[in-house]
Amino acid sequence: MIAIGDRIVPGSAAAQCNRLIDLFMTLASEDHRQALLHALAEFDGKAKQQFQKPFHSLAPEQQDALLSAASTPHPSPSFAVVKEWMADSYWSSREGLRELGWDGRMAWESYPACEHSEAGR
């Protein structure tokens, strides 16, 4: 999961998205767990079939070739499942939120971009 996630969403390994997904899997339905496991197994199977190694053991170019084939022109269901879990977990992580502009604060005294007047409250 770490290798495939970092190729789809760079930085997801450092953000430890695999751990967040593992935590979510404890609460997810059996269907969601099975869909993710099937998707990851499918990528490993294709890697072994084409390169005789599991996905995580492939060179980055080989990993990208498998992911490109799965994502274009119409994404495979397995690619969509892994991409959704990785993207959701990354953009929910501290690293992903900081990339979006979050500065670590949980509350603000005022909102400088808010143009509402006092009279309108």
Foldseek 3Di string as FASTA:
>chain_A
DLLLLCLLPPPLNVLVLVVVVVVVVVVDDPVLVVLQVVLQVVQQVVCCVVPVGGLNPDDSVSNVVSLVVQPPPNHDSSSVSSNVSSVVSQCVTPNNVVVVPDPPDPDDPDDVVDPDDPVVD
